[in-house]
Amino acid sequence: MNETTWLIIGFTGQLFFSIRFLIQWWQSERQQKSVIPIEFWYFSILGATTLLIYAIYRADPVFILGQSTGLFIYLRNLHLIKKSAQEN
């Protein structure tokens, strides 16, 4: 892949992270309280995965560690949400 393609991948990851905050803000405004909708976690996973791929391409160990850690946390939160829903 050429450099432009990699930049598009990186910016797409950043876009996913931006969308997750817009979704969270919109839902909180609708409910008039702070909430974190499940879509927040899906966009977190999309953003982290996309940025992790970009970070691996860039061979940036700081970026790789940060995105890997975040991805684990986002996946774990989604697992806990689904587990809780199954128990109810």
PDB file of N, CA and C in Angstrom:
ATOM      1  N   MET A   1       0.849  -1.187   0.000  1.00  0.00           N
ATOM      2  CA  MET A   1       0.000   0.000   0.000  1.00  0.00           C
ATOM      3  C   MET A   1       0.889   1.243   0.000  1.00  0.00           C
ATOM      4  N   ASN A   2       0.383   2.298  -0.611  1.00  0.00           N
ATOM      5  CA  ASN A   2       1.173   3.521  -0.639  1.00  0.00           C
ATOM      6  C   ASN A   2       0.889   4.390   0.590  1.00  0.00           C
ATOM      7  N   GLU A   3       1.653   5.448   0.730  1.00  0.00           N
ATOM      8  CA  GLU A   3       1.558   6.324   1.909  1.00  0.00           C
ATOM      9  C   GLU A   3       0.169   6.948   2.054  1.00  0.00           C
ATOM     10  N   THR A   4      -0.448   7.329   0.962  1.00  0.00           N
ATOM     11  CA  THR A   4      -1.786   7.933   1.017  1.00  0.00           C
ATOM     12  C   THR A   4      -2.799   6.951   1.601  1.00  0.00           C
ATOM     13  N   THR A   5      -2.721   5.696   1.208  1.00  0.00           N
ATOM     14  CA  THR A   5      -3.630   4.681   1.743  1.00  0.00           C
ATOM     15  C   THR A   5      -3.454   4.546   3.248  1.00  0.00           C
ATOM     16  N   TRP A   6      -2.205   4.547   3.716  1.00  0.00           N
ATOM     17  CA  TRP A   6      -1.953   4.431   5.151  1.00  0.00           C
ATOM     18  C   TRP A   6      -2.460   5.657   5.912  1.00  0.00           C
ATOM     19  N   LEU A   7      -2.330   6.820   5.310  1.00  0.00           N
ATOM     20  CA  LEU A   7      -2.877   8.021   5.953  1.00  0.00           C
ATOM     21  C   LEU A   7      -4.394   7.944   6.038  1.00  0.00           C
ATOM     22  N   ILE A   8      -5.036   7.428   5.013  1.00  0.00           N
ATOM     23  CA  ILE A   8      -6.497   7.257   5.034  1.00  0.00           C
ATOM     24  C   ILE A   8      -6.883   6.288   6.149  1.00  0.00           C
ATOM     25  N   ILE A   9      -6.131   5.194   6.310  1.00  0.00           N
ATOM     26  CA  ILE A   9      -6.395   4.243   7.392  1.00  0.00           C
ATOM     27  C   ILE A   9      -6.262   4.934   8.748  1.00  0.00           C
ATOM     28  N   GLY A  10      -5.205   5.693   8.942  1.00  0.00           N
ATOM     29  CA  GLY A  10      -5.002   6.404  10.205  1.00  0.00           C
ATOM     30  C   GLY A  10      -6.103   7.413  10.497  1.00  0.00           C
ATOM     31  N   PHE A  11      -6.462   8.198   9.498  1.00  0.00           N
ATOM     32  CA  PHE A  11      -7.526   9.180   9.693  1.00  0.00           C
ATOM     33  C   PHE A  11      -8.886   8.513   9.904  1.00  0.00           C
ATOM     34  N   THR A  12      -9.113   7.371   9.286  1.00  0.00           N
ATOM     35  CA  THR A  12     -10.360   6.628   9.502  1.00  0.00           C
ATOM     36  C   THR A  12     -10.462   6.174  10.954  1.00  0.00           C
ATOM     37  N   GLY A  13      -9.360   5.687  11.513  1.00  0.00           N
ATOM     38  CA  GLY A  13      -9.347   5.313  12.929  1.00  0.00           C
ATOM     39  C   GLY A  13      -9.686   6.495  13.816  1.00  0.00           C
ATOM     40  N   GLN A  14      -9.110   7.645  13.510  1.00  0.00           N
ATOM     41  CA  GLN A  14      -9.410   8.850  14.286  1.00  0.00           C
ATOM     42  C   GLN A  14     -10.873   9.243  14.129  1.00  0.00           C
ATOM     43  N   LEU A  15     -11.425   9.062  12.934  1.00  0.00           N
ATOM     44  CA  LEU A  15     -12.835   9.367  12.700  1.00  0.00           C
ATOM     45  C   LEU A  15     -13.734   8.488  13.564  1.00  0.00           C
ATOM     46  N   PHE A  16     -13.404   7.182  13.649  1.00  0.00           N
ATOM     47  CA  PHE A  16     -14.182   6.283  14.501  1.00  0.00           C
ATOM     48  C   PHE A  16     -14.174   6.761  15.952  1.00  0.00           C
ATOM     49  N   PHE A  17     -13.010   7.189  16.442  1.00  0.00           N
ATOM     50  CA  PHE A  17     -12.946   7.690  17.816  1.00  0.00           C
ATOM     51  C   PHE A  17     -13.773   8.963  17.978  1.00  0.00           C
ATOM     52  N   SER A  18     -13.760   9.832  16.989  1.00  0.00           N
ATOM     53  CA  SER A  18     -14.567  11.057  17.068  1.00  0.00           C
ATOM     54  C   SER A  18     -16.056  10.725  17.082  1.00  0.00           C
ATOM     55  N   ILE A  19     -16.469   9.785  16.250  1.00  0.00           N
ATOM     56  CA  ILE A  19     -17.884   9.403  16.189  1.00  0.00           C
ATOM     57  C   ILE A  19     -18.357   8.860  17.527  1.00  0.00           C
ATOM     58  N   ARG A  20     -17.498   8.090  18.207  1.00  0.00           N
ATOM     59  CA  ARG A  20     -17.929   7.509  19.483  1.00  0.00           C
ATOM     60  C   ARG A  20     -18.268   8.599  20.489  1.00  0.00           C
ATOM     61  N   PHE A  21     -17.516   9.690  20.494  1.00  0.00           N
ATOM     62  CA  PHE A  21     -17.809  10.778  21.428  1.00  0.00           C
ATOM     63  C   PHE A  21     -19.072  11.536  21.025  1.00  0.00           C
ATOM     64  N   LEU A  22     -19.298  11.684  19.741  1.00  0.00           N
ATOM     65  CA  LEU A  22     -20.532  12.324  19.288  1.00  0.00           C
ATOM     66  C   LEU A  22     -21.751  11.491  19.678  1.00  0.00           C
ATOM     67  N   ILE A  23     -21.644  10.175  19.524  1.00  0.00           N
ATOM     68  CA  ILE A  23     -22.737   9.287  19.924  1.00  0.00           C
ATOM     69  C   ILE A  23     -22.991   9.401  21.424  1.00  0.00           C
ATOM     70  N   GLN A  24     -21.948   9.382  22.215  1.00  0.00           N
ATOM     71  CA  GLN A  24     -22.085   9.478  23.675  1.00  0.00           C
ATOM     72  C   GLN A  24     -22.721  10.811  24.066  1.00  0.00           C
ATOM     73  N   TRP A  25     -22.267  11.890  23.460  1.00  0.00           N
ATOM     74  CA  TRP A  25     -22.796  13.215  23.768  1.00  0.00           C
ATOM     75  C   TRP A  25     -24.272  13.295  23.375  1.00  0.00           C
ATOM     76  N   TRP A  26     -24.606  12.806  22.181  1.00  0.00           N
ATOM     77  CA  TRP A  26     -25.980  12.858  21.697  1.00  0.00           C
ATOM     78  C   TRP A  26     -26.919  12.066  22.615  1.00  0.00           C
ATOM     79  N   GLN A  27     -26.522  10.856  22.993  1.00  0.00           N
ATOM     80  CA  GLN A  27     -27.358  10.038  23.874  1.00  0.00           C
ATOM     81  C   GLN A  27     -27.512  10.689  25.255  1.00  0.00           C
ATOM     82  N   SER A  28     -26.435  11.259  25.755  1.00  0.00           N
ATOM     83  CA  SER A  28     -26.511  11.937  27.055  1.00  0.00           C
ATOM     84  C   SER A  28     -27.455  13.130  27.003  1.00  0.00           C
ATOM     85  N   GLU A  29     -27.394  13.884  25.921  1.00  0.00           N
ATOM     86  CA  GLU A  29     -28.307  15.022  25.768  1.00  0.00           C
ATOM     87  C   GLU A  29     -29.758  14.550  25.672  1.00  0.00           C
ATOM     88  N   ARG A  30     -29.986  13.485  24.932  1.00  0.00           N
ATOM     89  CA  ARG A  30     -31.349  12.952  24.790  1.00  0.00           C
ATOM     90  C   ARG A  30     -31.915  12.508  26.126  1.00  0.00           C
ATOM     91  N   GLN A  31     -31.066  11.868  26.946  1.00  0.00           N
ATOM     92  CA  GLN A  31     -31.541  11.325  28.224  1.00  0.00           C
ATOM     93  C   GLN A  31     -31.338  12.299  29.386  1.00  0.00           C
ATOM     94  N   GLN A  32     -30.694  13.430  29.106  1.00  0.00           N
ATOM     95  CA  GLN A  32     -30.427  14.447  30.129  1.00  0.00           C
ATOM     96  C   GLN A  32     -29.643  13.899  31.322  1.00  0.00           C
ATOM     97  N   LYS A  33     -28.766  12.934  31.040  1.00  0.00           N
ATOM     98  CA  LYS A  33     -27.835  12.407  32.032  1.00  0.00           C
ATOM     99  C   LYS A  33     -26.677  11.766  31.277  1.00  0.00           C
ATOM    100  N   SER A  34     -25.573  11.596  31.944  1.00  0.00           N
ATOM    101  CA  SER A  34     -24.405  11.009  31.294  1.00  0.00           C
ATOM    102  C   SER A  34     -24.603   9.504  31.111  1.00  0.00           C
ATOM    103  N   VAL A  35     -24.554   9.064  29.864  1.00  0.00           N
ATOM    104  CA  VAL A  35     -24.696   7.638  29.544  1.00  0.00           C
ATOM    105  C   VAL A  35     -23.610   7.242  28.540  1.00  0.00           C
ATOM    106  N   ILE A  36     -23.282   5.964  28.545  1.00  0.00           N
ATOM    107  CA  ILE A  36     -22.356   5.419  27.554  1.00  0.00           C
ATOM    108  C   ILE A  36     -23.102   4.309  26.812  1.00  0.00           C
ATOM    109  N   PRO A  37     -23.616   4.628  25.623  1.00  0.00           N
ATOM    110  CA  PRO A  37     -24.359   3.620  24.861  1.00  0.00           C
ATOM    111  C   PRO A  37     -23.421   2.546  24.318  1.00  0.00           C
ATOM    112  N   ILE A  38     -23.959   1.394  23.998  1.00  0.00           N
ATOM    113  CA  ILE A  38     -23.154   0.277  23.519  1.00  0.00           C
ATOM    114  C   ILE A  38     -22.416   0.629  22.221  1.00  0.00           C
ATOM    115  N   GLU A  39     -22.983   1.509  21.421  1.00  0.00           N
ATOM    116  CA  GLU A  39     -22.320   1.925  20.184  1.00  0.00           C
ATOM    117  C   GLU A  39     -20.973   2.589  20.464  1.00  0.00           C
ATOM    118  N   PHE A  40     -20.862   3.234  21.620  1.00  0.00           N
ATOM    119  CA  PHE A  40     -19.593   3.850  22.023  1.00  0.00           C
ATOM    120  C   PHE A  40     -18.489   2.802  22.024  1.00  0.00           C
ATOM    121  N   TRP A  41     -18.793   1.623  22.581  1.00  0.00           N
ATOM    122  CA  TRP A  41     -17.778   0.566  22.668  1.00  0.00           C
ATOM    123  C   TRP A  41     -17.468  -0.016  21.312  1.00  0.00           C
ATOM    124  N   TYR A  42     -18.471  -0.154  20.447  1.00  0.00           N
ATOM    125  CA  TYR A  42     -18.209  -0.661  19.092  1.00  0.00           C
ATOM    126  C   TYR A  42     -17.311   0.296  18.302  1.00  0.00           C
ATOM    127  N   PHE A  43     -17.583   1.584  18.389  1.00  0.00           N
ATOM    128  CA  PHE A  43     -16.731   2.539  17.694  1.00  0.00           C
ATOM    129  C   PHE A  43     -15.350   2.630  18.341  1.00  0.00           C
ATOM    130  N   SER A  44     -15.259   2.410  19.647  1.00  0.00           N
ATOM    131  CA  SER A  44     -13.955   2.352  20.313  1.00  0.00           C
ATOM    132  C   SER A  44     -13.132   1.196  19.758  1.00  0.00           C
ATOM    133  N   ILE A  45     -13.779   0.053  19.585  1.00  0.00           N
ATOM    134  CA  ILE A  45     -13.096  -1.130  19.042  1.00  0.00           C
ATOM    135  C   ILE A  45     -12.674  -0.882  17.598  1.00  0.00           C
ATOM    136  N   LEU A  46     -13.571  -0.318  16.794  1.00  0.00           N
ATOM    137  CA  LEU A  46     -13.217   0.000  15.404  1.00  0.00           C
ATOM    138  C   LEU A  46     -12.042   0.967  15.339  1.00  0.00           C
ATOM    139  N   GLY A  47     -12.100   2.012  16.145  1.00  0.00           N
ATOM    140  CA  GLY A  47     -11.024   2.999  16.155  1.00  0.00           C
ATOM    141  C   GLY A  47      -9.703   2.408  16.615  1.00  0.00           C
ATOM    142  N   ALA A  48      -9.731   1.661  17.703  1.00  0.00           N
ATOM    143  CA  ALA A  48      -8.508   1.075  18.235  1.00  0.00           C
ATOM    144  C   ALA A  48      -7.903   0.056  17.275  1.00  0.00           C
ATOM    145  N   THR A  49      -8.748  -0.752  16.660  1.00  0.00           N
ATOM    146  CA  THR A  49      -8.247  -1.751  15.708  1.00  0.00           C
ATOM    147  C   THR A  49      -7.608  -1.070  14.504  1.00  0.00           C
ATOM    148  N   THR A  50      -8.303  -0.092  13.951  1.00  0.00           N
ATOM    149  CA  THR A  50      -7.785   0.620  12.789  1.00  0.00           C
ATOM    150  C   THR A  50      -6.479   1.336  13.128  1.00  0.00           C
ATOM    151  N   LEU A  51      -6.450   2.013  14.267  1.00  0.00           N
ATOM    152  CA  LEU A  51      -5.227   2.718  14.657  1.00  0.00           C
ATOM    153  C   LEU A  51      -4.106   1.766  15.039  1.00  0.00           C
ATOM    154  N   LEU A  52      -4.438   0.605  15.583  1.00  0.00           N
ATOM    155  CA  LEU A  52      -3.404  -0.390  15.885  1.00  0.00           C
ATOM    156  C   LEU A  52      -2.753  -0.879  14.589  1.00  0.00           C
ATOM    157  N   ILE A  53      -3.554  -1.138  13.572  1.00  0.00           N
ATOM    158  CA  ILE A  53      -3.003  -1.536  12.269  1.00  0.00           C
ATOM    159  C   ILE A  53      -2.074  -0.442  11.745  1.00  0.00           C
ATOM    160  N   TYR A  54      -2.510   0.802  11.849  1.00  0.00           N
ATOM    161  CA  TYR A  54      -1.701   1.939  11.406  1.00  0.00           C
ATOM    162  C   TYR A  54      -0.417   2.041  12.228  1.00  0.00           C
ATOM    163  N   ALA A  55      -0.529   1.849  13.539  1.00  0.00           N
ATOM    164  CA  ALA A  55       0.647   1.936  14.417  1.00  0.00           C
ATOM    165  C   ALA A  55       1.649   0.831  14.113  1.00  0.00           C
ATOM    166  N   ILE A  56       1.154  -0.353  13.810  1.00  0.00           N
ATOM    167  CA  ILE A  56       2.044  -1.463  13.443  1.00  0.00           C
ATOM    168  C   ILE A  56       2.780  -1.124  12.148  1.00  0.00           C
ATOM    169  N   TYR A  57       2.057  -0.573  11.192  1.00  0.00           N
ATOM    170  CA  TYR A  57       2.694  -0.151   9.940  1.00  0.00           C
ATOM    171  C   TYR A  57       3.786   0.880  10.225  1.00  0.00           C
ATOM    172  N   ARG A  58       3.509   1.819  11.101  1.00  0.00           N
ATOM    173  CA  ARG A  58       4.480   2.865  11.452  1.00  0.00           C
ATOM    174  C   ARG A  58       5.588   2.348  12.369  1.00  0.00           C
ATOM    175  N   ALA A  59       5.407   1.148  12.897  1.00  0.00           N
ATOM    176  CA  ALA A  59       6.376   0.534  13.822  1.00  0.00           C
ATOM    177  C   ALA A  59       6.646   1.448  15.020  1.00  0.00           C
ATOM    178  N   ASP A  60       5.561   1.987  15.568  1.00  0.00           N
ATOM    179  CA  ASP A  60       5.645   2.901  16.705  1.00  0.00           C
ATOM    180  C   ASP A  60       5.255   2.148  17.971  1.00  0.00           C
ATOM    181  N   PRO A  61       6.244   1.746  18.802  1.00  0.00           N
ATOM    182  CA  PRO A  61       5.925   0.921  19.968  1.00  0.00           C
ATOM    183  C   PRO A  61       5.034   1.616  20.998  1.00  0.00           C
ATOM    184  N   VAL A  62       5.150   2.923  21.127  1.00  0.00           N
ATOM    185  CA  VAL A  62       4.307   3.647  22.086  1.00  0.00           C
ATOM    186  C   VAL A  62       2.854   3.610  21.621  1.00  0.00           C
ATOM    187  N   PHE A  63       2.641   3.895  20.358  1.00  0.00           N
ATOM    188  CA  PHE A  63       1.313   3.889  19.753  1.00  0.00           C
ATOM    189  C   PHE A  63       0.725   2.472  19.776  1.00  0.00           C
ATOM    190  N   ILE A  64       1.545   1.468  19.476  1.00  0.00           N
ATOM    191  CA  ILE A  64       1.097   0.074  19.485  1.00  0.00           C
ATOM    192  C   ILE A  64       0.650  -0.333  20.884  1.00  0.00           C
ATOM    193  N   LEU A  65       1.453  -0.016  21.893  1.00  0.00           N
ATOM    194  CA  LEU A  65       1.094  -0.362  23.274  1.00  0.00           C
ATOM    195  C   LEU A  65      -0.192   0.333  23.700  1.00  0.00           C
ATOM    196  N   GLY A  66      -0.309   1.614  23.382  1.00  0.00           N
ATOM    197  CA  GLY A  66      -1.504   2.368  23.768  1.00  0.00           C
ATOM    198  C   GLY A  66      -2.766   1.816  23.132  1.00  0.00           C
ATOM    199  N   GLN A  67      -2.728   1.540  21.831  1.00  0.00           N
ATOM    200  CA  GLN A  67      -3.908   1.026  21.149  1.00  0.00           C
ATOM    201  C   GLN A  67      -4.223  -0.408  21.560  1.00  0.00           C
ATOM    202  N   SER A  68      -3.205  -1.217  21.802  1.00  0.00           N
ATOM    203  CA  SER A  68      -3.429  -2.601  22.248  1.00  0.00           C
ATOM    204  C   SER A  68      -4.113  -2.624  23.604  1.00  0.00           C
ATOM    205  N   THR A  69      -3.635  -1.788  24.508  1.00  0.00           N
ATOM    206  CA  THR A  69      -4.226  -1.722  25.845  1.00  0.00           C
ATOM    207  C   THR A  69      -5.668  -1.245  25.770  1.00  0.00           C
ATOM    208  N   GLY A  70      -5.888  -0.176  25.014  1.00  0.00           N
ATOM    209  CA  GLY A  70      -7.248   0.337  24.860  1.00  0.00           C
ATOM    210  C   GLY A  70      -8.177  -0.695  24.247  1.00  0.00           C
ATOM    211  N   LEU A  71      -7.710  -1.379  23.219  1.00  0.00           N
ATOM    212  CA  LEU A  71      -8.525  -2.395  22.554  1.00  0.00           C
ATOM    213  C   LEU A  71      -8.937  -3.489  23.535  1.00  0.00           C
ATOM    214  N   PHE A  72      -8.019  -3.932  24.370  1.00  0.00           N
ATOM    215  CA  PHE A  72      -8.339  -4.940  25.385  1.00  0.00           C
ATOM    216  C   PHE A  72      -9.442  -4.427  26.322  1.00  0.00           C
ATOM    217  N   ILE A  73      -9.306  -3.189  26.770  1.00  0.00           N
ATOM    218  CA  ILE A  73     -10.287  -2.609  27.699  1.00  0.00           C
ATOM    219  C   ILE A  73     -11.658  -2.476  27.031  1.00  0.00           C
ATOM    220  N   TYR A  74     -11.694  -2.034  25.777  1.00  0.00           N
ATOM    221  CA  TYR A  74     -12.972  -1.873  25.072  1.00  0.00           C
ATOM    222  C   TYR A  74     -13.657  -3.223  24.877  1.00  0.00           C
ATOM    223  N   LEU A  75     -12.874  -4.227  24.483  1.00  0.00           N
ATOM    224  CA  LEU A  75     -13.437  -5.571  24.308  1.00  0.00           C
ATOM    225  C   LEU A  75     -13.946  -6.133  25.628  1.00  0.00           C
ATOM    226  N   ARG A  76     -13.203  -5.895  26.701  1.00  0.00           N
ATOM    227  CA  ARG A  76     -13.604  -6.379  28.021  1.00  0.00           C
ATOM    228  C   ARG A  76     -14.912  -5.702  28.460  1.00  0.00           C
ATOM    229  N   ASN A  77     -15.029  -4.408  28.257  1.00  0.00           N
ATOM    230  CA  ASN A  77     -16.268  -3.706  28.611  1.00  0.00           C
ATOM    231  C   ASN A  77     -17.450  -4.249  27.830  1.00  0.00           C
ATOM    232  N   LEU A  78     -17.260  -4.483  26.541  1.00  0.00           N
ATOM    233  CA  LEU A  78     -18.335  -5.034  25.729  1.00  0.00           C
ATOM    234  C   LEU A  78     -18.718  -6.431  26.220  1.00  0.00           C
ATOM    235  N   HIS A  79     -17.741  -7.240  26.582  1.00  0.00           N
ATOM    236  CA  HIS A  79     -18.009  -8.577  27.132  1.00  0.00           C
ATOM    237  C   HIS A  79     -18.823  -8.471  28.432  1.00  0.00           C
ATOM    238  N   LEU A  80     -18.437  -7.558  29.307  1.00  0.00           N
ATOM    239  CA  LEU A  80     -19.149  -7.401  30.579  1.00  0.00           C
ATOM    240  C   LEU A  80     -20.584  -6.923  30.358  1.00  0.00           C
ATOM    241  N   ILE A  81     -20.792  -6.048  29.396  1.00  0.00           N
ATOM    242  CA  ILE A  81     -22.143  -5.574  29.089  1.00  0.00           C
ATOM    243  C   ILE A  81     -23.007  -6.726  28.593  1.00  0.00           C
ATOM    244  N   LYS A  82     -22.469  -7.525  27.676  1.00  0.00           N
ATOM    245  CA  LYS A  82     -23.232  -8.653  27.143  1.00  0.00           C
ATOM    246  C   LYS A  82     -23.484  -9.709  28.209  1.00  0.00           C
ATOM    247  N   LYS A  83     -22.507  -9.954  29.057  1.00  0.00           N
ATOM    248  CA  LYS A  83     -22.663 -10.918  30.148  1.00  0.00           C
ATOM    249  C   LYS A  83     -23.772 -10.457  31.108  1.00  0.00           C
ATOM    250  N   SER A  84     -23.769  -9.182  31.419  1.00  0.00           N
ATOM    251  CA  SER A  84     -24.792  -8.629  32.314  1.00  0.00           C
ATOM    252  C   SER A  84     -26.179  -8.736  31.695  1.00  0.00           C
ATOM    253  N   ALA A  85     -26.279  -8.499  30.397  1.00  0.00           N
ATOM    254  CA  ALA A  85     -27.576  -8.587  29.706  1.00  0.00           C
ATOM    255  C   ALA A  85     -28.095 -10.026  29.698  1.00  0.00           C
ATOM    256  N   GLN A  86     -27.205 -10.998  29.591  1.00  0.00           N
ATOM    257  CA  GLN A  86     -27.614 -12.386  29.592  1.00  0.00           C
ATOM    258  C   GLN A  86     -28.106 -12.826  30.956  1.00  0.00           C
ATOM    259  N   GLU A  87     -27.568 -12.239  32.015  1.00  0.00           N
ATOM    260  CA  GLU A  87     -27.958 -12.597  33.376  1.00  0.00           C
ATOM    261  C   GLU A  87     -29.318 -12.032  33.740  1.00  0.00           C
ATOM    262  N   ASN A  88     -29.727 -10.988  33.045  1.00  0.00           N
ATOM    263  CA  ASN A  88     -31.015 -10.340  33.353  1.00  0.00           C
ATOM    264  C   ASN A  88     -32.132 -10.879  32.562  1.00  0.00           C
TER     265      ASN A  88
END
